[in-house]
Amino acid sequence: MKATSIGHAGIFIETTDVSIVCDPWFLPAFHGSWCVFPRNDRLSADLMSRIESADYLYISHIHGDHLDELWLSDHIARTATVLLPGYPTRELESRLRELGFVNFVRTVDGKEIDLLGTTRIAIHCETSITDGPGGDSALVVSDDTGRLVNQNDCRTHDLAALDAHGPIDLHWVQYSGAIWYPMVYDEPIDVMRELIDAKVDSQFARALRYVEVINARAVVPSAGPPAFLDPELFGMNVITGDEVSIFPDQVEFMNRLSDSGHTGILAIPGTTIAFTPDRIDVTHPCSASEVASIFEQKESYLREYQRDWLPWIEERKSQWVQPTDDLVQRLKEWWEPLLAIAPNLRNGVGDVCVIDMGQLKIAIDFPAGTVSEWGGAECGFRFTIDRRLVETVAAERAVDWSNSLFLSCRFSAWRSGPFNEYIYNFFKSLSEERMTRTEAEALRKADPDRGGIAEEEIQIGNWIVQRTCPHRDADLSVFGVVDGDELVCTLHGWRFDSATGKCLNAEERTLRIRPVS
């Protein structure tokens, strides 16, 4: 089997029988904020031809750095068969059908299927509200030469399921940030530095936990970081290591892998990794010194990249929608029916959220279930956003503002209290179908008896603990570790005092824990 990096989470997989192109992303995403790093606009003509004529297309999830609709509209033969994750919604399929794809194989979560010859695949789905109701997924590809896990940025809760198909040769996994937190929040610089360092450490800890459980022959850091080429965002690139950013690059995680005794492979776009049961061969599209210079001379590399792409980015920004006269009324007519069907989500937010666009400020009153122009009363949440961006996603009637707006990092945020997942769950669920599922999840959390494994207890070290993390219900049998006097959930880095169960990240979360008798 051969796997060629095509940038970020993009992989071109060639088995003994078929070819599969995964998450091909080429054009700047999230309103021109994210670009592929290292750049992938110089792939060979031969590789591009093979990518565009692939037998199968796999899109892991709907986010713009995985589903590049603008690029797909002019590339990838429509004869390709789409391997669909078994999501409960048909959003991904609908989006791809709109692009002209007609051949689909809808898979069942975790179930292996035969493609051709000895090639088999299985797609494992995550559909927690954390990933948005559209879901996220990981792909396992096997043939008679080996097995590859493309986990991309899927935070799977059941790693044993990925390992159940047999020994794994290559594990492609995200390690870098894919979120706007904490950079956009209004915090003093010393607090921000502490938050950044904690976030990076939790990202690495989570990725290393995945690596340990999968236990592949080699690990390929992938699905990040992006490059930020817009001058307004350039400071989010980690160049010296002192930047206030959660986006370290591949080299830093390669060092972590080495320190932990794991074999890492540094792949840039065009790097091919061929493997058999006996060997793994890595071929880069350029010399070793040229690969190294990307990371050693990163600022100059990014500045050249920026010069090439800034005209394209500026052109896209010029297309943002100008202010209209009826924005408040349109959002009111769109959102108030959604708020009406989500009383548990509204209770979870429990406050007013203000969208501050300068002269116009809109208030979402979650307790009352109303949307109106803000009159200046107290609020618990505030997003300050360029009005043109709000107008743009409103005109598109975008159902997931995390994907269509927040991941651009083109906003600032403030909140009066601790993190509240329900506020973002609202913005991820701006359709009746999505909000119905989000409200069901809110109801489940409001009623712990609905939680399935939530009431189970497990042993971790010398402690008996509840099986699910009170942060986002991560399975602690997989992600829980004892660190001195603390129990740590490595999925998001939340820490709990082992003696009391008190959460050290947020006052309102408590872990049920007691010592082994």
Protein backbone atom coordinates (compact mmCIF):
# COMPACT_ATOMS: atom_id res chain seq x y z
CA MET A 1 0.00 0.00 0.00
CA LYS A 2 1.12 3.57 -0.66
CA ALA A 3 -0.11 6.74 1.04
CA THR A 4 0.86 10.15 -0.33
CA SER A 5 0.31 13.33 1.66
CA ILE A 6 -1.58 15.96 -0.31
CA GLY A 7 -1.57 18.47 2.53
CA HIS A 8 -3.23 18.92 5.92
CA ALA A 9 -5.57 15.90 6.35
CA GLY A 10 -5.40 15.08 2.65
CA ILE A 11 -4.11 11.62 1.75
CA PHE A 12 -4.00 9.82 -1.60
CA ILE A 13 -4.11 6.10 -0.82
CA GLU A 14 -3.18 3.49 -3.43
CA THR A 15 -3.78 -0.14 -2.51
CA THR A 16 -3.09 -3.20 -4.64
CA ASP A 17 -6.54 -2.71 -6.21
CA VAL A 18 -7.94 0.83 -5.87
CA SER A 19 -7.12 4.46 -5.18
CA ILE A 20 -8.83 6.61 -2.54
CA VAL A 21 -8.46 10.37 -2.19
CA CYS A 22 -9.17 11.61 1.34
CA ASP A 23 -10.08 15.18 2.32
CA PRO A 24 -8.45 17.01 -0.61
CA TRP A 25 -8.10 20.65 0.52
CA PHE A 26 -6.33 23.15 -1.73
CA LEU A 27 -7.98 26.59 -1.54
CA PRO A 28 -7.85 28.88 1.54
CA ALA A 29 -10.69 28.07 3.92
CA PHE A 30 -12.80 29.92 6.48
CA HIS A 31 -13.03 33.23 4.64
CA GLY A 32 -9.40 33.12 3.52
CA SER A 33 -8.05 32.56 7.04
CA TRP A 34 -6.61 29.03 6.82
CA CYS A 35 -4.17 27.85 4.16
CA VAL A 36 -2.52 24.45 3.80
CA PHE A 37 0.86 24.12 5.55
CA PRO A 38 3.25 23.21 4.06
CA ARG A 39 1.82 24.56 0.80
CA ASN A 40 0.33 22.04 -1.63
CA ASP A 41 -0.07 24.20 -4.73
CA ARG A 42 3.10 22.77 -6.31
CA LEU A 43 2.28 19.07 -6.49
CA SER A 44 3.48 17.28 -9.60
CA ALA A 45 1.20 17.05 -12.62
CA ASP A 46 1.31 13.27 -12.43
CA LEU A 47 0.20 13.20 -8.80
CA MET A 48 -2.58 15.73 -9.45
CA SER A 49 -3.82 13.64 -12.37
CA ARG A 50 -3.96 10.54 -10.19
CA ILE A 51 -5.75 12.44 -7.43
CA GLU A 52 -8.36 13.83 -9.81
CA SER A 53 -9.06 10.39 -11.33
CA ALA A 54 -9.25 8.48 -8.04
CA ASP A 55 -11.60 5.51 -7.79
CA TYR A 56 -13.01 6.62 -4.44
CA LEU A 57 -13.50 9.91 -2.60
CA TYR A 58 -13.66 10.07 1.19
CA ILE A 59 -14.62 13.26 3.01
CA SER A 60 -14.29 12.78 6.75
CA HIS A 61 -16.59 15.66 7.74
CA ILE A 62 -18.07 18.94 6.59
CA HIS A 63 -15.48 21.45 7.89
CA GLY A 64 -13.94 23.65 5.21
CA ASP A 65 -10.40 22.29 5.65
CA HIS A 66 -11.74 18.82 4.74
CA LEU A 67 -14.64 19.53 2.40
CA ASP A 68 -13.18 21.99 -0.14
CA GLU A 69 -16.32 22.55 -2.19
CA LEU A 70 -14.80 25.30 -4.32
CA TRP A 71 -11.93 23.04 -5.42
CA LEU A 72 -14.07 19.91 -5.74
CA SER A 73 -16.44 21.72 -8.08
CA ASP A 74 -13.69 21.76 -10.76
CA HIS A 75 -11.73 18.63 -9.85
CA ILE A 76 -12.19 14.93 -9.02
CA ALA A 77 -13.90 12.86 -11.69
CA ARG A 78 -17.63 12.52 -11.05
CA THR A 79 -17.21 8.81 -11.78
CA ALA A 80 -15.53 8.50 -8.37
CA THR A 81 -17.52 6.60 -5.78
CA VAL A 82 -18.01 8.49 -2.53
CA LEU A 83 -17.40 6.53 0.67
CA LEU A 84 -19.96 8.03 3.03
CA PRO A 85 -19.67 7.86 6.81
CA GLY A 86 -22.80 6.45 8.42
CA TYR A 87 -23.93 9.75 9.92
CA PRO A 88 -27.48 10.14 11.21
CA THR A 89 -27.95 13.15 8.91
CA ARG A 90 -27.59 13.34 5.12
CA GLU A 91 -25.91 16.75 5.02
CA LEU A 92 -22.60 15.52 3.63
CA GLU A 93 -24.27 13.44 0.95
CA SER A 94 -26.49 16.37 -0.05
CA ARG A 95 -23.52 18.72 -0.34
CA LEU A 96 -21.63 16.26 -2.53
CA ARG A 97 -24.66 15.56 -4.72
CA GLU A 98 -24.97 19.31 -5.29
CA LEU A 99 -21.39 19.18 -6.61
CA GLY A 100 -22.38 16.50 -9.13
CA PHE A 101 -21.31 13.26 -7.44
CA VAL A 102 -23.76 10.42 -8.09
CA ASN A 103 -22.08 7.23 -6.89
CA PHE A 104 -22.25 6.64 -3.15
CA VAL A 105 -21.51 3.82 -0.73
CA ARG A 106 -23.16 4.61 2.60
CA THR A 107 -21.21 2.71 5.23
CA VAL A 108 -22.24 1.49 8.67
CA ASP A 109 -20.29 2.82 11.63
CA GLY A 110 -17.25 0.61 12.19
CA LYS A 111 -18.34 -2.16 9.81
CA GLU A 112 -15.68 -3.33 7.37
CA ILE A 113 -16.69 -3.68 3.73
CA ASP A 114 -14.92 -5.06 0.65
CA LEU A 115 -14.09 -2.69 -2.20
CA LEU A 116 -12.13 -4.63 -4.83
CA GLY A 117 -9.71 -7.52 -4.59
CA THR A 118 -8.18 -7.58 -1.13
CA THR A 119 -8.98 -3.93 -0.33
CA ARG A 120 -11.30 -3.37 2.60
CA ILE A 121 -12.36 -0.20 4.39
CA ALA A 122 -14.22 0.72 7.56
CA ILE A 123 -15.40 4.18 8.57
CA HIS A 124 -15.82 4.94 12.27
CA CYS A 125 -18.14 7.82 13.12
CA GLU A 126 -18.37 10.33 15.92
CA THR A 127 -21.61 12.27 16.21
CA SER A 128 -21.23 14.12 19.50
CA ILE A 129 -22.35 17.74 19.52
CA THR A 130 -18.71 18.67 20.14
CA ASP A 131 -18.05 17.83 16.50
CA GLY A 132 -21.32 19.34 15.37
CA PRO A 133 -24.38 17.27 14.52
CA GLY A 134 -22.88 16.63 11.09
CA GLY A 135 -20.32 14.38 12.78
CA ASP A 136 -16.70 13.46 12.24
CA SER A 137 -15.11 10.19 11.15
CA ALA A 138 -11.95 8.11 10.79
CA LEU A 139 -11.08 5.72 7.97
CA VAL A 140 -9.36 2.32 8.18
CA VAL A 141 -7.97 0.93 4.90
CA SER A 142 -6.62 -2.63 4.61
CA ASP A 143 -5.23 -4.79 1.82
CA ASP A 144 -2.90 -7.76 1.57
CA THR A 145 0.15 -5.54 2.18
CA GLY A 146 -0.90 -3.70 5.32
CA ARG A 147 -3.32 -1.41 7.12
CA LEU A 148 -3.65 2.36 7.49
CA VAL A 149 -5.71 4.40 9.96
CA ASN A 150 -6.62 7.89 8.80
CA GLN A 151 -7.86 9.39 12.06
CA ASN A 152 -7.42 13.00 10.84
CA ASP A 153 -9.00 15.14 13.60
CA CYS A 154 -11.70 12.69 14.66
CA ARG A 155 -11.79 12.49 18.45
CA THR A 156 -13.06 8.94 18.51
CA HIS A 157 -14.32 7.74 21.88
CA ASP A 158 -13.64 4.07 21.12
CA LEU A 159 -10.04 3.66 20.02
CA ALA A 160 -10.22 -0.09 20.47
CA ALA A 161 -12.65 -0.17 17.55
CA LEU A 162 -10.03 1.31 15.23
CA ASP A 163 -7.56 -1.31 16.40
CA ALA A 164 -10.03 -4.18 16.06
CA HIS A 165 -9.42 -4.63 12.32
CA GLY A 166 -5.90 -5.91 12.96
CA PRO A 167 -2.34 -4.61 13.42
CA ILE A 168 -1.83 -1.09 12.05
CA ASP A 169 1.13 0.01 9.95
CA LEU A 170 0.49 3.75 9.51
CA HIS A 171 -1.48 6.02 11.83
CA TRP A 172 -2.25 9.52 10.48
CA VAL A 173 -3.40 11.70 13.37
CA GLN A 174 -4.04 15.33 14.26
CA TYR A 175 -1.91 16.85 17.00
CA SER A 176 -2.26 20.60 16.46
CA GLY A 177 -5.09 22.98 17.20
CA ALA A 178 -8.26 23.25 15.15
CA ILE A 179 -10.15 25.77 17.24
CA TRP A 180 -10.23 29.49 17.94
CA TYR A 181 -9.79 29.09 21.71
CA PRO A 182 -8.22 30.76 23.57
CA MET A 183 -6.68 33.25 21.11
CA VAL A 184 -9.87 35.23 20.44
CA TYR A 185 -10.79 35.74 24.10
CA ASP A 186 -10.24 38.98 25.97
CA GLU A 187 -7.65 37.98 28.58
CA PRO A 188 -4.52 39.60 30.09
CA ILE A 189 -1.36 38.46 28.32
CA ASP A 190 -0.10 36.42 31.31
CA VAL A 191 -3.41 34.58 31.56
CA MET A 192 -3.46 34.04 27.79
CA ARG A 193 0.06 32.57 27.89
CA GLU A 194 -1.03 30.13 30.56
CA LEU A 195 -4.14 29.16 28.61
CA ILE A 196 -2.16 28.69 25.39
CA ASP A 197 0.45 26.47 27.04
CA ALA A 198 -2.23 24.37 28.72
CA LYS A 199 -4.12 23.97 25.45
CA VAL A 200 -1.05 22.87 23.51
CA ASP A 201 -0.11 20.40 26.25
CA SER A 202 -3.61 18.92 26.22
CA GLN A 203 -3.54 18.63 22.40
CA PHE A 204 -0.27 16.74 22.52
CA ALA A 205 -1.40 14.57 25.43
CA ARG A 206 -4.58 13.62 23.58
CA ALA A 207 -2.70 12.78 20.37
CA LEU A 208 -0.11 10.73 22.25
CA ARG A 209 -2.90 8.82 23.96
CA TYR A 210 -4.30 7.95 20.54
CA VAL A 211 -0.85 6.90 19.39
CA GLU A 212 -0.31 4.66 22.40
CA VAL A 213 -3.62 2.86 22.02
CA ILE A 214 -3.40 2.41 18.23
CA ASN A 215 0.26 1.30 18.53
CA ALA A 216 1.03 1.53 14.82
CA ARG A 217 4.43 0.81 13.31
CA ALA A 218 4.74 4.49 12.39
CA VAL A 219 2.82 7.71 13.04
CA VAL A 220 2.28 10.54 10.55
CA PRO A 221 1.41 13.92 12.15
CA SER A 222 -1.31 15.42 9.98
CA ALA A 223 -4.45 17.60 9.84
CA GLY A 224 -2.61 20.69 10.95
CA PRO A 225 -1.48 23.26 11.59
CA PRO A 226 -2.89 25.69 9.04
CA ALA A 227 -0.88 28.61 7.71
CA PHE A 228 -2.30 32.08 8.35
CA LEU A 229 -1.34 34.30 5.40
CA ASP A 230 -3.69 37.25 5.91
CA PRO A 231 -1.60 39.98 7.62
CA GLU A 232 -4.37 40.40 10.20
CA LEU A 233 -3.86 36.79 11.32
CA PHE A 234 -0.17 36.15 10.53
CA GLY A 235 0.75 36.25 14.23
CA MET A 236 -1.12 32.98 14.78
CA ASN A 237 1.65 31.11 12.96
CA VAL A 238 4.04 29.51 15.45
CA ILE A 239 7.50 30.50 14.21
CA THR A 240 9.69 31.21 17.25
CA GLY A 241 7.51 29.37 19.76
CA ASP A 242 6.68 32.53 21.71
CA GLU A 243 3.55 33.32 19.71
CA VAL A 244 0.20 33.35 21.47
CA SER A 245 -1.08 30.48 19.34
CA ILE A 246 -2.15 26.86 19.72
CA PHE A 247 -0.78 25.84 16.29
CA PRO A 248 2.64 24.15 16.71
CA ASP A 249 3.94 22.44 13.60
CA GLN A 250 4.88 18.86 12.73
CA VAL A 251 8.46 19.05 13.96
CA GLU A 252 7.45 19.80 17.54
CA PHE A 253 5.13 16.80 17.65
CA MET A 254 7.75 14.62 15.97
CA ASN A 255 10.00 15.45 18.93
CA ARG A 256 7.26 14.42 21.35
CA LEU A 257 6.81 11.14 19.47
CA SER A 258 10.54 10.44 19.64
CA ASP A 259 10.70 11.25 23.35
CA SER A 260 7.83 8.78 23.90
CA GLY A 261 9.55 5.99 21.97
CA HIS A 262 7.33 6.13 18.88
CA THR A 263 8.38 6.24 15.25
CA GLY A 264 7.19 9.38 13.49
CA ILE A 265 7.30 10.19 9.79
CA LEU A 266 7.48 13.83 8.72
CA ALA A 267 5.33 14.16 5.60
CA ILE A 268 4.95 17.25 3.43
CA PRO A 269 2.59 17.48 0.44
CA GLY A 270 3.93 15.03 -2.13
CA THR A 271 5.63 12.72 0.39
CA THR A 272 4.85 9.07 -0.40
CA ILE A 273 5.00 6.36 2.25
CA ALA A 274 5.00 2.82 0.83
CA PHE A 275 4.75 -0.09 3.21
CA THR A 276 4.70 -3.87 3.25
CA PRO A 277 4.86 -6.26 6.20
CA ASP A 278 8.65 -6.06 6.00
CA ARG A 279 9.47 -2.41 5.40
CA ILE A 280 8.37 1.21 5.23
CA ASP A 281 9.87 3.45 2.55
CA VAL A 282 9.52 7.24 2.58
CA THR A 283 10.04 9.34 -0.56
CA HIS A 284 9.86 13.13 -0.40
CA PRO A 285 9.14 15.34 -3.44
CA CYS A 286 12.34 17.29 -2.76
CA SER A 287 15.67 16.92 -0.99
CA ALA A 288 15.98 16.37 2.75
CA SER A 289 17.56 19.82 3.14
CA GLU A 290 14.62 21.43 1.32
CA VAL A 291 12.17 19.64 3.61
CA ALA A 292 14.09 20.81 6.67
CA SER A 293 14.24 24.41 5.44
CA ILE A 294 10.43 24.66 5.45
CA PHE A 295 10.51 24.42 9.23
CA GLU A 296 13.95 25.90 9.95
CA GLN A 297 13.32 28.96 7.76
CA LYS A 298 9.60 29.04 8.44
CA GLU A 299 9.02 32.78 8.40
CA SER A 300 10.65 33.31 5.00
CA TYR A 301 8.78 30.28 3.68
CA LEU A 302 5.47 31.72 4.91
CA ARG A 303 6.26 35.21 3.56
CA GLU A 304 6.84 33.82 0.06
CA TYR A 305 3.65 31.76 0.36
CA GLN A 306 1.83 34.89 1.53
CA ARG A 307 3.00 36.94 -1.47
CA ASP A 308 1.67 34.28 -3.83
CA TRP A 309 -1.77 33.95 -2.22
CA LEU A 310 -2.59 37.34 -0.72
CA PRO A 311 -4.26 38.66 -3.92
CA TRP A 312 -6.59 35.63 -3.91
CA ILE A 313 -7.40 36.13 -0.23
CA GLU A 314 -8.10 39.83 -0.70
CA GLU A 315 -10.37 39.08 -3.64
CA ARG A 316 -12.40 36.66 -1.52
CA LYS A 317 -12.66 39.21 1.29
CA SER A 318 -13.96 41.79 -1.18
CA GLN A 319 -16.91 39.49 -1.78
CA TRP A 320 -18.13 39.63 1.83
CA VAL A 321 -21.72 40.88 1.93
CA GLN A 322 -22.21 44.56 2.73
CA PRO A 323 -24.65 45.65 5.51
CA THR A 324 -28.35 45.19 4.81
CA ASP A 325 -31.38 46.85 6.38
CA ASP A 326 -33.11 43.71 7.62
CA LEU A 327 -30.40 41.61 9.31
CA VAL A 328 -32.06 41.66 12.74
CA GLN A 329 -35.42 40.59 11.33
CA ARG A 330 -33.89 37.80 9.24
CA LEU A 331 -32.02 36.37 12.21
CA LYS A 332 -35.13 36.68 14.37
CA GLU A 333 -37.27 34.76 11.87
CA TRP A 334 -34.55 32.13 11.46
CA TRP A 335 -33.47 31.61 15.07
CA GLU A 336 -36.54 32.10 17.24
CA PRO A 337 -38.27 28.92 15.91
CA LEU A 338 -35.06 27.01 16.66
CA LEU A 339 -34.92 28.41 20.19
CA ALA A 340 -38.55 27.38 20.68
CA ILE A 341 -37.73 23.70 20.12
CA ALA A 342 -34.67 23.75 22.41
CA PRO A 343 -35.70 24.54 25.99
CA ASN A 344 -32.94 22.39 27.52
CA LEU A 345 -30.27 24.03 25.39
CA ARG A 346 -31.64 27.45 26.35
CA ASN A 347 -31.50 26.47 30.02
CA GLY A 348 -27.93 25.29 29.48
CA VAL A 349 -26.92 28.71 28.17
CA GLY A 350 -29.04 30.57 30.70
CA ASP A 351 -28.03 34.09 29.68
CA VAL A 352 -28.01 36.69 26.92
CA CYS A 353 -25.47 36.50 24.09
CA VAL A 354 -24.64 39.70 22.20
CA ILE A 355 -23.29 39.78 18.65
CA ASP A 356 -21.48 43.11 18.53
CA MET A 357 -21.03 44.42 14.97
CA GLY A 358 -20.20 48.01 15.88
CA GLN A 359 -23.20 50.22 15.27
CA LEU A 360 -25.51 47.20 15.25
CA LYS A 361 -25.63 44.83 18.21
CA ILE A 362 -27.97 41.85 18.30
CA ALA A 363 -29.04 40.10 21.52
CA ILE A 364 -29.98 36.42 21.71
CA ASP A 365 -31.94 36.10 24.96
CA PHE A 366 -31.73 32.37 25.63
CA PRO A 367 -33.98 32.31 28.73
CA ALA A 368 -36.69 34.21 26.85
CA GLY A 369 -36.04 32.54 23.50
CA THR A 370 -35.94 35.85 21.60
CA VAL A 371 -33.70 37.65 19.13
CA SER A 372 -33.69 41.46 18.98
CA GLU A 373 -31.50 44.50 18.70
CA TRP A 374 -29.53 44.83 21.95
CA GLY A 375 -30.57 47.65 24.24
CA GLY A 376 -27.51 47.59 26.51
CA ALA A 377 -28.71 45.31 29.31
CA GLU A 378 -26.32 42.88 31.02
CA CYS A 379 -25.19 39.86 29.04
CA GLY A 380 -23.17 36.74 29.76
CA PHE A 381 -21.55 36.32 26.35
CA ARG A 382 -20.32 38.68 23.66
CA PHE A 383 -18.90 38.07 20.19
CA THR A 384 -17.38 41.06 18.38
CA ILE A 385 -17.44 40.37 14.64
CA ASP A 386 -17.06 42.33 11.40
CA ARG A 387 -20.64 42.91 10.29
CA ARG A 388 -19.79 41.85 6.73
CA LEU A 389 -18.91 38.38 7.98
CA VAL A 390 -22.19 38.05 9.85
CA GLU A 391 -24.06 39.29 6.79
CA THR A 392 -22.19 36.77 4.63
CA VAL A 393 -22.98 33.69 6.72
CA ALA A 394 -26.54 34.93 7.24
CA ALA A 395 -26.99 35.31 3.49
CA GLU A 396 -25.68 31.75 3.04
CA ARG A 397 -27.99 30.62 5.84
CA ALA A 398 -25.05 28.67 7.18
CA VAL A 399 -26.21 26.02 9.64
CA ASP A 400 -22.87 25.68 11.46
CA TRP A 401 -21.27 28.98 12.43
CA SER A 402 -18.34 27.17 14.05
CA ASN A 403 -17.37 26.04 10.55
CA SER A 404 -18.57 29.02 8.55
CA LEU A 405 -17.46 31.81 10.89
CA PHE A 406 -15.71 31.02 14.19
CA LEU A 407 -12.92 28.85 12.75
CA SER A 408 -11.86 31.87 10.71
CA CYS A 409 -10.58 33.31 14.01
CA ARG A 410 -11.81 36.67 12.68
CA PHE A 411 -13.62 37.71 15.84
CA SER A 412 -13.08 38.36 19.54
CA ALA A 413 -15.04 36.91 22.43
CA TRP A 414 -15.85 37.60 26.05
CA ARG A 415 -17.80 35.66 28.66
CA SER A 416 -18.69 36.48 32.24
CA GLY A 417 -18.23 32.95 33.60
CA PRO A 418 -16.63 29.62 32.71
CA PHE A 419 -16.79 27.89 29.34
CA ASN A 420 -20.35 27.05 28.34
CA GLU A 421 -20.60 24.37 25.65
CA TYR A 422 -24.28 25.08 25.03
CA ILE A 423 -23.63 28.50 23.51
CA TYR A 424 -21.44 26.97 20.79
CA ASN A 425 -23.81 24.02 20.38
CA PHE A 426 -26.47 26.57 19.45
CA PHE A 427 -24.31 28.12 16.74
CA LYS A 428 -23.47 24.65 15.38
CA SER A 429 -27.14 23.76 15.06
CA LEU A 430 -28.88 26.42 13.00
CA SER A 431 -31.34 24.16 11.21
CA GLU A 432 -34.36 22.27 12.50
CA GLU A 433 -32.68 18.91 11.91
CA ARG A 434 -29.51 19.92 13.72
CA MET A 435 -31.29 21.66 16.57
CA THR A 436 -33.52 18.65 17.18
CA ARG A 437 -30.45 16.48 17.71
CA THR A 438 -28.73 19.12 19.81
CA GLU A 439 -31.77 19.48 22.05
CA ALA A 440 -31.90 15.69 22.48
CA GLU A 441 -28.27 15.76 23.63
CA ALA A 442 -29.04 18.60 26.03
CA LEU A 443 -31.94 16.60 27.44
CA ARG A 444 -29.70 13.56 27.90
CA LYS A 445 -27.22 15.63 29.86
CA ALA A 446 -30.01 17.15 31.91
CA ASP A 447 -31.19 13.63 32.80
CA PRO A 448 -28.17 11.45 33.72
CA ASP A 449 -30.31 8.31 33.73
CA ARG A 450 -30.37 8.58 29.94
CA GLY A 451 -26.60 8.43 29.69
CA GLY A 452 -26.06 4.70 29.13
CA ILE A 453 -22.53 4.22 30.45
CA ALA A 454 -22.68 7.46 32.44
CA GLU A 455 -23.58 5.64 35.65
CA GLU A 456 -20.93 2.92 35.27
CA GLU A 457 -17.81 2.97 37.42
CA ILE A 458 -14.32 1.86 36.47
CA GLN A 459 -10.96 1.55 38.19
CA ILE A 460 -8.04 3.77 37.18
CA GLY A 461 -4.96 3.13 39.25
CA ASN A 462 -6.02 3.13 42.90
CA TRP A 463 -9.26 4.98 42.25
CA ILE A 464 -12.83 4.04 41.43
CA VAL A 465 -14.32 6.71 39.15
CA GLN A 466 -17.40 7.32 37.07
CA ARG A 467 -16.80 6.12 33.53
CA THR A 468 -17.63 9.36 31.72
CA CYS A 469 -15.91 12.70 32.14
CA PRO A 470 -18.30 15.38 33.42
CA HIS A 471 -16.84 17.81 30.88
CA ARG A 472 -18.01 16.23 27.61
CA ASP A 473 -18.74 12.61 28.51
CA ALA A 474 -15.39 11.25 27.28
CA ASP A 475 -14.92 7.59 28.23
CA LEU A 476 -12.37 7.67 31.06
CA SER A 477 -11.54 4.00 30.51
CA VAL A 478 -9.71 5.30 27.43
CA PHE A 479 -8.77 8.89 28.30
CA GLY A 480 -8.44 8.84 32.10
CA VAL A 481 -4.96 8.83 33.68
CA VAL A 482 -3.70 9.44 37.21
CA ASP A 483 -1.19 12.28 37.50
CA GLY A 484 -0.01 12.56 41.09
CA ASP A 485 -2.96 13.72 43.17
CA GLU A 486 -5.09 14.44 40.12
CA LEU A 487 -7.20 12.46 37.66
CA VAL A 488 -6.76 13.82 34.13
CA CYS A 489 -9.09 13.38 31.15
CA THR A 490 -6.61 13.56 28.27
CA LEU A 491 -9.31 14.13 25.64
CA HIS A 492 -9.49 17.83 26.51
CA GLY A 493 -6.98 18.08 29.36
CA TRP A 494 -9.49 18.54 32.19
CA ARG A 495 -8.10 17.80 35.65
CA PHE A 496 -9.82 16.70 38.86
CA ASP A 497 -8.65 16.59 42.49
CA SER A 498 -8.52 12.86 43.31
CA ALA A 499 -9.42 13.40 46.95
CA THR A 500 -12.52 15.53 46.37
CA GLY A 501 -13.45 15.09 42.70
CA LYS A 502 -13.42 18.87 42.30
CA CYS A 503 -12.67 20.02 38.77
CA LEU A 504 -9.63 22.27 38.55
CA ASN A 505 -10.79 23.76 35.22
CA ALA A 506 -14.36 24.75 36.06
CA GLU A 507 -16.13 25.06 39.40
CA GLU A 508 -19.42 23.51 38.31
CA ARG A 509 -17.97 20.14 37.24
CA THR A 510 -17.37 17.36 39.76
CA LEU A 511 -16.02 13.86 39.19
CA ARG A 512 -17.41 10.97 41.21
CA ILE A 513 -14.28 9.32 42.60
CA ARG A 514 -13.21 7.29 45.63
CA PRO A 515 -10.17 5.22 46.60
CA VAL A 516 -10.14 1.48 46.02
CA SER A 517 -11.17 -0.23 49.25
